[in-house]
Amino acid sequence: DSDLSMRTLSTPSPALIFPPNPPGFQNGRGSSTSSSSVTGETVAMVHSPPPTRLTHPLIRLASKHQKEQANIDRLPDHSMVQIFSFLPTNQLCRCARVCRRWYNLAWDPRLWRTIRLTGETINVDRALKVLTRRLCQDTPNVCLMLETVIVSGCRRLTDRGLYTIAQCCPELRRLEVSGCYNISNEAVFDVVSLCPNLEHLDVSGCSKVTCISLTREASIKLSPLHGKQISIRYLDMTDCFVLEDEGLHTIAAHCTQLTHLYLRRCVRITDEGLRYLMIYCTSIKELSVSDCRFVSDFGMREIAKLESRLRYLSIAHCGRITDVGIRYIAKYCSKLRYLNARGCEGITDHGVEYLAKNCTKLKSLDIGKCPLVSDTGLEFLALNCFNLKRLSLKSCESITGQGLQIVAANCFDLQMLNVQDCDVSVDALRFVKRHCKRCIIEHTNPAFF
């Protein structure tokens, strides 16, 4: 332990991530003399190892009783490490400045399996560079312990920051860069090519990302097997507006192990893109194509090829989907547990009937804003889907209290019911509450409370 301690103290000090100084703090008050900041932004900075005791202009002379060892210093190292494990990255770096003991404990490898940075003003590229450099200390140029990097909402992240991750973190398994709209395809390609164990990738809101693939160099090197080299299982491309069918084809061909895929508001995707997806990715369990307005019943026929593997499907606001598409899903995907069909105005009681009779293990159903669904459809649900826990009927104009009573009398496990903007009576709502005691009812009836 002593050797490790000496080695740690002889290395460059930790990367510290600080917010800008509060407006009222001036002339060095409220910040250490070893720190510096830039107005209006957060930056990563390097500091020398802290002294054994803190010296600060605001610290008053302590009394004899106060000079005694603090209670927290009596905790053993393993307890301190456990406490530190609950801290976000920036706070962990701050703890490293308290004293030499905390400095050593804060850089325990067990605490650095995850880097989590948030904030629109943080200089993420620099922070990642300094942090990975410090973590690569014992294994030059390679950070073997880091498995998760979450920098969601950091708008200043660029390709340079992702390139740092790709070069230094070969054991990376999870990367979340949602809302970082400055990153491009090339940076994502570097990460998936140099991090072969990457399983979870969230690029939602990255409008410049149009596909996921290996770099050209990696493709040439691994030519015979390149289609199986990307091990991503979870991929979120929500709000990647530029994604088209050809890009989805590339993703499917390279990410054949996908089990969770979210394409919400990828408005250029069509049925042809879903056809490509079903050719290569046959293990998908969860799929969302919400707000993909070009997806129709033909796309549902392709998705139905997933058969019993499909458990979660969201087709909200896909206006071209009708009862025909629902019949495809109901017929082949009998183990479906979750369906969001809100805003699919072509769905009627016939579609709900077929769904209820074939997907009897359905637990969550959203058919809000489907004006052609009435009490008849609810009756089919109540008599077949006894495990239903969540039901949304928001803005279903044809629903009445009678249909709700039938549901409540048969689905005792109902936990959430949304009947906002529905013409239902107070008596019907009270009936639901009486029979489904754990049910939370979302409504717009001012007489019911």
Protein backbone atom coordinates (compact mmCIF):
# COMPACT_ATOMS: atom_id res chain seq x y z
CA ASP A 1 0.00 0.00 0.00
CA SER A 2 2.82 2.39 0.80
CA ASP A 3 4.36 1.85 -2.63
CA LEU A 4 1.05 2.60 -4.29
CA SER A 5 0.63 5.72 -2.17
CA MET A 6 4.05 7.07 -3.06
CA ARG A 7 3.54 6.32 -6.73
CA THR A 8 0.22 8.14 -6.72
CA LEU A 9 1.61 11.23 -5.05
CA SER A 10 4.49 11.43 -7.49
CA THR A 11 2.20 11.62 -10.51
CA PRO A 12 0.37 14.64 -11.95
CA SER A 13 -2.53 15.73 -9.80
CA PRO A 14 -6.15 14.84 -10.64
CA ALA A 15 -8.29 16.50 -13.27
CA LEU A 16 -10.76 18.71 -11.49
CA ILE A 17 -13.99 19.94 -13.02
CA PHE A 18 -15.28 23.18 -11.59
CA PRO A 19 -18.31 25.37 -12.26
CA PRO A 20 -17.74 29.09 -12.78
CA ASN A 21 -17.23 31.24 -9.68
CA PRO A 22 -20.47 32.66 -8.25
CA PRO A 23 -20.88 36.37 -9.02
CA GLY A 24 -20.51 37.38 -5.40
CA PHE A 25 -17.14 35.61 -4.91
CA GLN A 26 -14.27 37.96 -5.68
CA ASN A 27 -10.62 38.44 -4.80
CA GLY A 28 -10.09 34.73 -4.39
CA ARG A 29 -12.80 34.29 -1.77
CA GLY A 30 -14.67 31.01 -1.97
CA SER A 31 -12.06 29.24 -4.13
CA SER A 32 -8.70 27.62 -3.45
CA THR A 33 -5.56 29.51 -4.40
CA SER A 34 -4.58 26.54 -6.58
CA SER A 35 -7.71 26.75 -8.72
CA SER A 36 -8.61 28.97 -11.64
CA SER A 37 -11.75 29.48 -13.67
CA VAL A 38 -12.99 31.06 -16.86
CA THR A 39 -16.07 33.24 -16.67
CA GLY A 40 -19.19 31.61 -18.07
CA GLU A 41 -17.87 28.11 -18.59
CA THR A 42 -16.65 25.05 -16.77
CA VAL A 43 -13.22 23.68 -17.58
CA ALA A 44 -11.05 20.78 -16.51
CA MET A 45 -7.96 21.85 -14.57
CA VAL A 46 -4.88 20.17 -13.16
CA HIS A 47 -3.78 20.81 -9.60
CA SER A 48 -0.84 19.80 -7.52
CA PRO A 49 -1.41 17.16 -4.83
CA PRO A 50 -3.11 18.69 -1.78
CA PRO A 51 -1.15 19.19 1.44
CA THR A 52 -1.79 17.05 4.46
CA ARG A 53 -3.94 19.82 5.95
CA LEU A 54 -6.02 22.34 4.07
CA THR A 55 -4.96 26.00 4.11
CA HIS A 56 -7.67 28.40 3.07
CA PRO A 57 -8.12 32.14 3.64
CA LEU A 58 -11.65 31.56 5.00
CA ILE A 59 -10.66 28.88 7.51
CA ARG A 60 -10.53 30.37 11.00
CA LEU A 61 -8.17 29.35 13.71
CA ALA A 62 -9.60 26.19 15.24
CA SER A 63 -9.94 25.62 18.93
CA LYS A 64 -8.10 22.80 20.65
CA HIS A 65 -11.23 20.64 20.45
CA GLN A 66 -11.67 21.37 16.73
CA LYS A 67 -8.06 20.39 16.01
CA GLU A 68 -8.81 16.84 17.02
CA GLN A 69 -9.32 14.31 14.28
CA ALA A 70 -12.66 14.67 12.50
CA ASN A 71 -15.10 11.78 12.77
CA ILE A 72 -14.98 11.06 9.05
CA ASP A 73 -11.21 10.60 9.20
CA ARG A 74 -11.72 7.69 11.58
CA LEU A 75 -13.52 5.67 8.92
CA PRO A 76 -11.48 2.87 7.32
CA ASP A 77 -10.42 3.15 3.70
CA HIS A 78 -12.99 0.69 2.37
CA SER A 79 -15.81 2.70 3.96
CA MET A 80 -14.52 5.92 2.45
CA VAL A 81 -14.32 4.32 -0.98
CA GLN A 82 -17.90 3.13 -0.59
CA ILE A 83 -19.02 6.68 0.22
CA PHE A 84 -17.09 8.09 -2.73
CA SER A 85 -18.77 5.60 -5.05
CA PHE A 86 -22.03 7.59 -4.79
CA LEU A 87 -20.45 10.83 -5.99
CA PRO A 88 -20.60 12.15 -9.57
CA THR A 89 -17.33 12.66 -11.40
CA ASN A 90 -16.92 16.37 -10.68
CA GLN A 91 -17.55 15.94 -6.93
CA LEU A 92 -15.15 13.02 -6.77
CA CYS A 93 -12.47 15.23 -8.28
CA ARG A 94 -13.21 17.88 -5.67
CA CYS A 95 -12.75 15.33 -2.90
CA ALA A 96 -9.28 14.58 -4.24
CA ARG A 97 -8.24 18.10 -3.18
CA VAL A 98 -9.11 17.74 0.51
CA CYS A 99 -5.98 15.95 1.74
CA ARG A 100 -3.41 13.36 0.69
CA ARG A 101 -5.44 10.45 2.03
CA TRP A 102 -8.55 11.52 0.14
CA TYR A 103 -6.44 12.11 -2.93
CA ASN A 104 -5.30 8.48 -2.91
CA LEU A 105 -8.76 7.11 -2.12
CA ALA A 106 -10.49 9.24 -4.78
CA TRP A 107 -8.34 7.63 -7.47
CA ASP A 108 -9.10 4.07 -6.42
CA PRO A 109 -9.66 2.18 -9.71
CA ARG A 110 -12.98 0.83 -8.44
CA LEU A 111 -14.38 4.37 -8.50
CA TRP A 112 -13.51 4.97 -12.12
CA ARG A 113 -15.56 2.43 -13.99
CA THR A 114 -17.87 5.31 -14.89
CA ILE A 115 -17.37 8.93 -15.96
CA ARG A 116 -20.50 11.06 -15.79
CA LEU A 117 -20.38 14.69 -16.92
CA THR A 118 -23.34 17.01 -17.47
CA GLY A 119 -23.85 20.67 -18.27
CA GLU A 120 -24.02 22.82 -21.36
CA THR A 121 -20.99 24.96 -20.47
CA ILE A 122 -18.50 22.29 -19.45
CA ASN A 123 -15.43 21.91 -21.66
CA VAL A 124 -16.01 18.19 -22.13
CA ASP A 125 -13.22 17.59 -24.63
CA ARG A 126 -10.60 18.89 -22.24
CA ALA A 127 -12.16 17.18 -19.23
CA LEU A 128 -12.11 13.79 -20.97
CA LYS A 129 -8.54 14.29 -22.11
CA VAL A 130 -7.25 15.11 -18.63
CA LEU A 131 -9.28 12.42 -16.88
CA THR A 132 -8.27 9.64 -19.25
CA ARG A 133 -4.64 10.75 -19.07
CA ARG A 134 -4.74 10.39 -15.28
CA LEU A 135 -6.55 7.03 -15.47
CA CYS A 136 -3.98 5.73 -17.97
CA GLN A 137 -1.16 6.34 -15.51
CA ASP A 138 -0.50 2.71 -14.59
CA THR A 139 -1.24 1.36 -18.08
CA PRO A 140 0.19 3.95 -20.50
CA ASN A 141 -2.25 5.16 -23.15
CA VAL A 142 -4.88 2.57 -22.15
CA CYS A 143 -7.58 2.92 -19.50
CA LEU A 144 -8.63 -0.63 -18.72
CA MET A 145 -11.06 0.03 -15.88
CA LEU A 146 -13.37 2.54 -17.58
CA GLU A 147 -16.56 0.89 -18.85
CA THR A 148 -19.18 3.67 -18.94
CA VAL A 149 -19.04 7.24 -20.22
CA ILE A 150 -22.13 9.43 -19.88
CA VAL A 151 -21.87 12.98 -21.22
CA SER A 152 -25.51 13.62 -22.09
CA GLY A 153 -26.47 17.22 -22.72
CA CYS A 154 -22.87 18.42 -23.01
CA ARG A 155 -23.28 20.50 -26.14
CA ARG A 156 -19.58 21.39 -26.30
CA LEU A 157 -18.60 17.78 -26.87
CA THR A 158 -16.99 17.42 -30.29
CA ASP A 159 -15.38 14.66 -32.35
CA ARG A 160 -12.13 15.35 -30.49
CA GLY A 161 -13.67 14.20 -27.20
CA LEU A 162 -15.05 11.01 -28.72
CA TYR A 163 -11.71 10.32 -30.37
CA THR A 164 -10.06 10.53 -26.93
CA ILE A 165 -12.49 7.91 -25.63
CA ALA A 166 -11.95 5.67 -28.64
CA GLN A 167 -8.16 5.79 -28.29
CA CYS A 168 -7.93 5.30 -24.53
CA CYS A 169 -10.90 3.14 -23.50
CA PRO A 170 -10.85 -0.24 -25.28
CA GLU A 171 -13.01 -1.81 -22.54
CA LEU A 172 -15.84 0.68 -22.96
CA ARG A 173 -19.26 -0.98 -22.76
CA ARG A 174 -21.66 1.95 -22.47
CA LEU A 175 -21.59 5.38 -24.13
CA GLU A 176 -24.32 8.04 -23.82
CA VAL A 177 -23.90 11.28 -25.76
CA SER A 178 -27.56 12.28 -26.15
CA GLY A 179 -28.08 15.91 -27.08
CA CYS A 180 -24.47 16.41 -28.21
CA TYR A 181 -25.29 17.68 -31.66
CA ASN A 182 -21.71 18.55 -32.66
CA ILE A 183 -20.49 14.96 -33.08
CA SER A 184 -20.40 13.35 -36.53
CA ASN A 185 -20.43 9.90 -38.09
CA GLU A 186 -16.62 9.71 -38.20
CA ALA A 187 -16.29 10.06 -34.43
CA VAL A 188 -18.96 7.42 -33.79
CA PHE A 189 -17.26 5.08 -36.26
CA ASP A 190 -13.97 5.48 -34.35
CA VAL A 191 -15.64 4.52 -31.07
CA VAL A 192 -17.42 1.41 -32.37
CA SER A 193 -14.28 0.31 -34.24
CA LEU A 194 -11.82 0.72 -31.36
CA CYS A 195 -14.16 -0.35 -28.54
CA PRO A 196 -15.15 -3.91 -29.52
CA ASN A 197 -17.07 -4.52 -26.26
CA LEU A 198 -19.44 -1.57 -26.68
CA GLU A 199 -22.99 -2.81 -26.06
CA HIS A 200 -25.01 0.31 -25.17
CA LEU A 201 -24.94 3.40 -27.42
CA ASP A 202 -27.20 6.44 -27.02
CA VAL A 203 -26.81 9.08 -29.74
CA SER A 204 -30.32 10.51 -29.44
CA GLY A 205 -30.50 14.11 -30.55
CA CYS A 206 -27.21 13.89 -32.46
CA SER A 207 -28.60 15.28 -35.68
CA LYS A 208 -25.37 14.78 -37.66
CA VAL A 209 -25.28 11.02 -37.06
CA THR A 210 -26.75 9.22 -40.05
CA CYS A 211 -25.61 5.63 -39.50
CA ILE A 212 -23.46 3.33 -37.34
CA SER A 213 -20.58 1.49 -38.98
CA LEU A 214 -16.93 0.54 -38.68
CA THR A 215 -14.24 2.83 -40.03
CA ARG A 216 -12.95 2.02 -43.48
CA GLU A 217 -9.64 0.80 -42.05
CA ALA A 218 -11.40 -1.54 -39.62
CA SER A 219 -13.70 -2.84 -42.35
CA ILE A 220 -10.74 -3.72 -44.57
CA LYS A 221 -8.86 -5.36 -41.72
CA LEU A 222 -11.85 -7.42 -40.61
CA SER A 223 -13.42 -7.86 -44.02
CA PRO A 224 -14.61 -11.48 -43.70
CA LEU A 225 -16.39 -10.84 -40.39
CA HIS A 226 -16.96 -7.12 -40.35
CA GLY A 227 -20.73 -7.51 -40.19
CA LYS A 228 -20.42 -9.19 -36.77
CA GLN A 229 -17.75 -7.00 -35.22
CA ILE A 230 -20.05 -4.38 -33.68
CA SER A 231 -21.51 -5.91 -30.54
CA ILE A 232 -24.05 -3.16 -29.84
CA ARG A 233 -27.28 -4.50 -28.35
CA TYR A 234 -28.92 -1.26 -27.24
CA LEU A 235 -29.10 1.63 -29.73
CA ASP A 236 -31.07 4.86 -29.23
CA MET A 237 -31.19 7.13 -32.29
CA THR A 238 -34.19 9.20 -31.24
CA ASP A 239 -34.33 12.57 -33.03
CA CYS A 240 -31.61 11.64 -35.51
CA PHE A 241 -33.62 13.46 -38.17
CA VAL A 242 -31.19 12.80 -41.04
CA LEU A 243 -31.28 9.01 -40.68
CA GLU A 244 -32.65 7.42 -43.87
CA ASP A 245 -33.39 3.91 -45.09
CA GLU A 246 -29.87 3.48 -46.48
CA GLY A 247 -28.34 4.42 -43.13
CA LEU A 248 -30.67 2.00 -41.36
CA HIS A 249 -29.56 -0.67 -43.82
CA THR A 250 -25.92 -0.02 -42.85
CA ILE A 251 -26.80 -0.16 -39.15
CA ALA A 252 -28.65 -3.45 -39.54
CA ALA A 253 -25.83 -5.03 -41.52
CA HIS A 254 -23.21 -4.12 -38.91
CA CYS A 255 -25.20 -4.37 -35.66
CA THR A 256 -26.74 -7.79 -36.03
CA GLN A 257 -26.97 -8.37 -32.27
CA LEU A 258 -29.42 -5.54 -31.62
CA THR A 259 -32.12 -6.27 -29.04
CA HIS A 260 -33.25 -2.69 -28.24
CA LEU A 261 -33.67 -0.11 -31.00
CA TYR A 262 -35.32 3.29 -30.69
CA LEU A 263 -35.96 5.37 -33.82
CA ARG A 264 -38.40 7.92 -32.44
CA ARG A 265 -38.91 10.90 -34.75
CA CYS A 266 -36.55 9.57 -37.40
CA VAL A 267 -38.98 11.03 -39.87
CA ARG A 268 -37.26 9.81 -43.06
CA ILE A 269 -37.53 6.11 -42.23
CA THR A 270 -39.98 4.13 -44.40
CA ASP A 271 -41.22 0.56 -44.67
CA GLU A 272 -38.18 -0.23 -46.85
CA GLY A 273 -35.84 0.60 -43.99
CA LEU A 274 -37.75 -1.74 -41.68
CA ARG A 275 -37.44 -4.48 -44.29
CA TYR A 276 -33.65 -4.13 -44.20
CA LEU A 277 -33.75 -4.19 -40.41
CA MET A 278 -35.67 -7.46 -40.24
CA ILE A 279 -33.26 -9.19 -42.63
CA TYR A 280 -30.27 -8.79 -40.31
CA CYS A 281 -31.56 -8.04 -36.80
CA THR A 282 -33.75 -10.96 -35.84
CA SER A 283 -33.24 -10.66 -32.06
CA ILE A 284 -34.96 -7.33 -31.46
CA LYS A 285 -37.11 -7.31 -28.33
CA GLU A 286 -37.92 -3.61 -28.11
CA LEU A 287 -38.57 -1.34 -31.09
CA SER A 288 -39.86 2.20 -31.37
CA VAL A 289 -40.77 3.92 -34.63
CA SER A 290 -42.97 6.58 -33.04
CA ASP A 291 -43.65 9.62 -35.21
CA CYS A 292 -42.16 7.94 -38.29
CA ARG A 293 -44.98 9.13 -40.50
CA PHE A 294 -43.98 7.07 -43.55
CA VAL A 295 -44.27 3.75 -41.72
CA SER A 296 -47.46 1.93 -42.72
CA ASP A 297 -49.15 -1.47 -42.52
CA PHE A 298 -46.45 -2.89 -44.79
CA GLY A 299 -43.87 -1.96 -42.18
CA MET A 300 -45.95 -3.77 -39.56
CA ARG A 301 -45.85 -6.87 -41.74
CA GLU A 302 -42.04 -6.70 -41.65
CA ILE A 303 -41.91 -6.11 -37.88
CA ALA A 304 -44.22 -9.11 -37.37
CA LYS A 305 -41.37 -11.32 -38.59
CA LEU A 306 -39.81 -10.90 -35.14
CA GLU A 307 -42.64 -13.13 -33.92
CA SER A 308 -42.54 -14.11 -30.24
CA ARG A 309 -39.25 -12.29 -29.63
CA LEU A 310 -40.94 -8.87 -29.77
CA ARG A 311 -42.05 -7.64 -26.33
CA TYR A 312 -42.20 -3.84 -26.74
CA LEU A 313 -43.49 -1.87 -29.72
CA SER A 314 -44.18 1.84 -30.09
CA ILE A 315 -45.91 3.09 -33.25
CA ALA A 316 -47.37 6.26 -31.79
CA HIS A 317 -48.55 8.85 -34.29
CA CYS A 318 -47.85 6.63 -37.29
CA GLY A 319 -50.97 7.75 -39.10
CA ARG A 320 -50.68 5.21 -41.93
CA ILE A 321 -51.13 2.22 -39.64
CA THR A 322 -54.60 0.70 -39.50
CA ASP A 323 -56.28 -2.47 -38.23
CA VAL A 324 -54.43 -4.40 -40.95
CA GLY A 325 -51.06 -3.62 -39.39
CA ILE A 326 -52.34 -4.41 -35.91
CA ARG A 327 -53.58 -7.78 -37.15
CA TYR A 328 -50.09 -8.64 -38.43
CA ILE A 329 -48.56 -7.84 -35.03
CA ALA A 330 -51.27 -9.63 -33.06
CA LYS A 331 -51.12 -12.76 -35.20
CA TYR A 332 -47.35 -13.36 -35.03
CA CYS A 333 -46.14 -11.47 -31.92
CA SER A 334 -48.19 -13.28 -29.31
CA LYS A 335 -45.82 -12.45 -26.42
CA LEU A 336 -46.14 -8.70 -26.84
CA ARG A 337 -46.25 -6.97 -23.46
CA TYR A 338 -46.27 -3.27 -24.38
CA LEU A 339 -47.93 -1.47 -27.28
CA ASN A 340 -48.09 2.28 -27.80
CA ALA A 341 -50.45 3.09 -30.67
CA ARG A 342 -51.46 6.58 -29.58
CA GLY A 343 -52.61 8.75 -32.45
CA CYS A 344 -53.05 5.87 -34.91
CA GLU A 345 -56.48 7.05 -35.95
CA GLY A 346 -57.02 4.14 -38.36
CA ILE A 347 -57.30 1.64 -35.49
CA THR A 348 -60.85 0.55 -34.63
CA ASP A 349 -62.58 -1.90 -32.32
CA HIS A 350 -61.80 -4.71 -34.78
CA GLY A 351 -58.05 -4.13 -34.39
CA VAL A 352 -58.36 -4.01 -30.59
CA GLU A 353 -60.40 -7.22 -30.66
CA TYR A 354 -57.77 -9.08 -32.66
CA LEU A 355 -55.02 -7.72 -30.40
CA ALA A 356 -56.83 -8.71 -27.20
CA LYS A 357 -57.57 -12.25 -28.36
CA ASN A 358 -54.04 -13.00 -29.55
CA CYS A 359 -51.83 -11.01 -27.15
CA THR A 360 -53.45 -12.06 -23.89
CA LYS A 361 -50.34 -11.27 -21.82
CA LEU A 362 -50.45 -7.59 -22.71
CA LYS A 363 -49.56 -5.43 -19.71
CA SER A 364 -49.49 -1.91 -21.12
CA LEU A 365 -51.60 -0.43 -23.91
CA ASP A 366 -51.88 3.13 -25.16
CA ILE A 367 -54.66 3.73 -27.68
CA GLY A 368 -55.22 7.38 -26.89
CA LYS A 369 -56.44 9.66 -29.65
CA CYS A 370 -57.95 6.70 -31.52
CA PRO A 371 -61.47 8.07 -32.06
CA LEU A 372 -62.79 4.86 -33.63
CA VAL A 373 -62.16 2.77 -30.49
CA SER A 374 -65.28 2.48 -28.32
CA ASP A 375 -66.64 0.52 -25.36
CA THR A 376 -66.84 -2.55 -27.59
CA GLY A 377 -63.07 -2.62 -27.92
CA LEU A 378 -62.67 -2.16 -24.17
CA GLU A 379 -64.92 -5.12 -23.55
CA PHE A 380 -62.64 -7.35 -25.66
CA LEU A 381 -59.66 -6.11 -23.66
CA ALA A 382 -61.37 -6.74 -20.33
CA LEU A 383 -62.38 -10.31 -21.21
CA ASN A 384 -58.99 -11.38 -22.55
CA CYS A 385 -56.15 -9.28 -21.06
CA PHE A 386 -56.51 -9.90 -17.34
CA ASN A 387 -52.87 -8.90 -16.67
CA LEU A 388 -53.35 -5.36 -17.97
CA LYS A 389 -51.65 -2.86 -15.65
CA ARG A 390 -51.51 0.36 -17.68
CA LEU A 391 -54.19 1.63 -20.04
CA SER A 392 -54.30 5.03 -21.74
CA LEU A 393 -57.51 6.13 -23.44
CA LYS A 394 -56.74 9.85 -23.57
CA SER A 395 -58.98 11.76 -25.99
CA CYS A 396 -60.89 8.65 -27.09
CA GLU A 397 -64.17 10.34 -27.95
CA SER A 398 -66.23 7.13 -28.18
CA ILE A 399 -65.34 5.82 -24.71
CA THR A 400 -67.98 6.01 -21.96
CA GLY A 401 -68.22 5.03 -18.32
CA GLN A 402 -69.76 1.68 -19.23
CA GLY A 403 -66.59 0.54 -20.96
CA LEU A 404 -64.46 1.62 -18.00
CA GLN A 405 -66.63 -0.34 -15.59
CA ILE A 406 -66.18 -3.51 -17.64
CA VAL A 407 -62.41 -3.04 -17.58
CA ALA A 408 -62.31 -2.38 -13.84
CA ALA A 409 -64.48 -5.42 -13.10
CA ASN A 410 -62.05 -7.76 -14.86
CA CYS A 411 -58.57 -6.19 -14.69
CA PHE A 412 -57.99 -6.04 -10.94
CA ASP A 413 -54.24 -5.37 -11.32
CA LEU A 414 -54.78 -2.11 -13.18
CA GLN A 415 -52.31 0.46 -11.83
CA MET A 416 -52.66 3.39 -14.23
CA LEU A 417 -55.66 4.60 -16.21
CA ASN A 418 -55.61 7.73 -18.36
CA VAL A 419 -59.07 9.00 -19.34
CA GLN A 420 -58.23 12.66 -19.85
CA ASP A 421 -60.58 14.42 -22.27
CA CYS A 422 -62.96 11.45 -22.25
CA ASP A 423 -66.68 11.81 -21.59
CA VAL A 424 -66.93 9.60 -18.49
CA SER A 425 -69.04 10.16 -15.40
CA VAL A 426 -67.90 10.54 -11.82
CA ASP A 427 -69.74 7.34 -10.89
CA ALA A 428 -67.71 5.38 -13.45
CA LEU A 429 -64.45 6.78 -12.06
CA ARG A 430 -65.51 5.87 -8.52
CA PHE A 431 -66.37 2.36 -9.70
CA VAL A 432 -62.84 2.00 -11.12
CA LYS A 433 -61.34 3.23 -7.87
CA ARG A 434 -63.40 0.78 -5.85
CA HIS A 435 -62.40 -2.28 -7.85
CA CYS A 436 -58.79 -1.30 -8.65
CA LYS A 437 -57.59 0.17 -5.38
CA ARG A 438 -53.99 0.65 -6.52
CA CYS A 439 -54.99 2.36 -9.75
CA ILE A 440 -53.92 5.95 -10.38
CA ILE A 441 -56.54 7.67 -12.53
CA GLU A 442 -55.54 10.59 -14.73
CA HIS A 443 -58.66 12.52 -15.64
CA THR A 444 -60.05 15.96 -16.42
CA ASN A 445 -63.31 15.70 -14.50
CA PRO A 446 -63.26 18.44 -11.83
CA ALA A 447 -66.01 16.69 -9.83
CA PHE A 448 -63.86 13.63 -9.13
CA PHE A 449 -61.09 13.86 -6.56
